[in-house]
Amino acid sequence: MLHDFQDRLPDGVHIVPSSGGVFEISLGDEVVFSKKKAGRFPENSEIDEALEQRLDAA
């Protein structure tokens, strides 16, 4: 994922540890995917597609 988006994410990617099974992907202040909200892990391309949509809209 980092390789695919490195040119479009000048601030890089940050991994923030958490607990309780929380798994969230955010772009800026927007949560792109939340395991807690969805009740599951993301599908293989789900995160890439969500990031692509938001980056294209920016």
C-alpha atoms as a PDB file:
ATOM      1  CA  MET A   1       0.000   0.000   0.000  1.00  0.00           C
ATOM      2  CA  LEU A   2       2.790   2.423   0.890  1.00  0.00           C
ATOM      3  CA  HIS A   3       4.467   1.760  -2.457  1.00  0.00           C
ATOM      4  CA  ASP A   4       1.215   2.378  -4.344  1.00  0.00           C
ATOM      5  CA  PHE A   5       0.496   5.705  -2.656  1.00  0.00           C
ATOM      6  CA  GLN A   6       3.930   7.053  -1.673  1.00  0.00           C
ATOM      7  CA  ASP A   7       3.892   9.838  -4.296  1.00  0.00           C
ATOM      8  CA  ARG A   8       0.432  10.958  -3.201  1.00  0.00           C
ATOM      9  CA  LEU A   9       1.041  10.845   0.560  1.00  0.00           C
ATOM     10  CA  PRO A  10       3.903  13.296   1.167  1.00  0.00           C
ATOM     11  CA  ASP A  11       3.603  12.940   4.954  1.00  0.00           C
ATOM     12  CA  GLY A  12       4.002   9.176   4.680  1.00  0.00           C
ATOM     13  CA  VAL A  13       2.127   6.500   6.556  1.00  0.00           C
ATOM     14  CA  HIS A  14       1.948   6.304  10.338  1.00  0.00           C
ATOM     15  CA  ILE A  15       1.065   3.206  12.335  1.00  0.00           C
ATOM     16  CA  VAL A  16      -0.624   4.038  15.621  1.00  0.00           C
ATOM     17  CA  PRO A  17      -0.768   1.168  18.111  1.00  0.00           C
ATOM     18  CA  SER A  18      -4.066   0.520  19.854  1.00  0.00           C
ATOM     19  CA  SER A  19      -5.727  -2.157  21.915  1.00  0.00           C
ATOM     20  CA  GLY A  20      -8.987  -4.045  22.110  1.00  0.00           C
ATOM     21  CA  GLY A  21      -8.950  -5.296  18.520  1.00  0.00           C
ATOM     22  CA  VAL A  22      -9.263  -1.808  17.029  1.00  0.00           C
ATOM     23  CA  PHE A  23      -8.150  -1.592  13.395  1.00  0.00           C
ATOM     24  CA  GLU A  24      -8.744   1.725  11.658  1.00  0.00           C
ATOM     25  CA  ILE A  25      -7.371   3.320   8.518  1.00  0.00           C
ATOM     26  CA  SER A  26      -7.538   7.115   8.348  1.00  0.00           C
ATOM     27  CA  LEU A  27      -6.592   9.688   5.739  1.00  0.00           C
ATOM     28  CA  GLY A  28      -6.098  12.973   7.532  1.00  0.00           C
ATOM     29  CA  ASP A  29      -8.972  13.285   9.978  1.00  0.00           C
ATOM     30  CA  GLU A  30     -11.308  10.992   8.005  1.00  0.00           C
ATOM     31  CA  VAL A  31     -11.683   7.342   8.986  1.00  0.00           C
ATOM     32  CA  VAL A  32     -11.537   5.343   5.754  1.00  0.00           C
ATOM     33  CA  PHE A  33     -12.168   1.950   7.361  1.00  0.00           C
ATOM     34  CA  SER A  34     -13.069   0.847  10.876  1.00  0.00           C
ATOM     35  CA  LYS A  35     -13.046  -2.829  11.837  1.00  0.00           C
ATOM     36  CA  LYS A  36     -15.158  -1.965  14.873  1.00  0.00           C
ATOM     37  CA  LYS A  37     -17.823  -0.251  12.767  1.00  0.00           C
ATOM     38  CA  ALA A  38     -17.767  -2.838   9.946  1.00  0.00           C
ATOM     39  CA  GLY A  39     -17.483  -5.826  12.293  1.00  0.00           C
ATOM     40  CA  ARG A  40     -14.796  -7.381  10.084  1.00  0.00           C
ATOM     41  CA  PHE A  41     -11.363  -6.856   8.573  1.00  0.00           C
ATOM     42  CA  PRO A  42     -11.289  -5.166   5.154  1.00  0.00           C
ATOM     43  CA  GLU A  43     -11.341  -7.155   1.929  1.00  0.00           C
ATOM     44  CA  ASN A  44      -8.049  -7.323  -0.030  1.00  0.00           C
ATOM     45  CA  SER A  45      -8.518  -4.234  -2.211  1.00  0.00           C
ATOM     46  CA  GLU A  46     -11.046  -2.370  -0.060  1.00  0.00           C
ATOM     47  CA  ILE A  47      -8.535  -0.018   1.578  1.00  0.00           C
ATOM     48  CA  ASP A  48      -6.723   0.738  -1.690  1.00  0.00           C
ATOM     49  CA  GLU A  49     -10.011   1.579  -3.405  1.00  0.00           C
ATOM     50  CA  ALA A  50     -11.187   3.793  -0.537  1.00  0.00           C
ATOM     51  CA  LEU A  51      -7.879   5.683  -0.444  1.00  0.00           C
ATOM     52  CA  GLU A  52      -7.866   6.063  -4.230  1.00  0.00           C
ATOM     53  CA  GLN A  53     -11.373   7.581  -4.191  1.00  0.00           C
ATOM     54  CA  ARG A  54     -10.489  10.091  -1.500  1.00  0.00           C
ATOM     55  CA  LEU A  55      -7.159  11.071  -3.051  1.00  0.00           C
ATOM     56  CA  ASP A  56      -8.782  11.540  -6.471  1.00  0.00           C
ATOM     57  CA  ALA A  57     -11.441  13.784  -4.916  1.00  0.00           C
ATOM     58  CA  ALA A  58      -8.803  16.002  -3.268  1.00  0.00           C
END
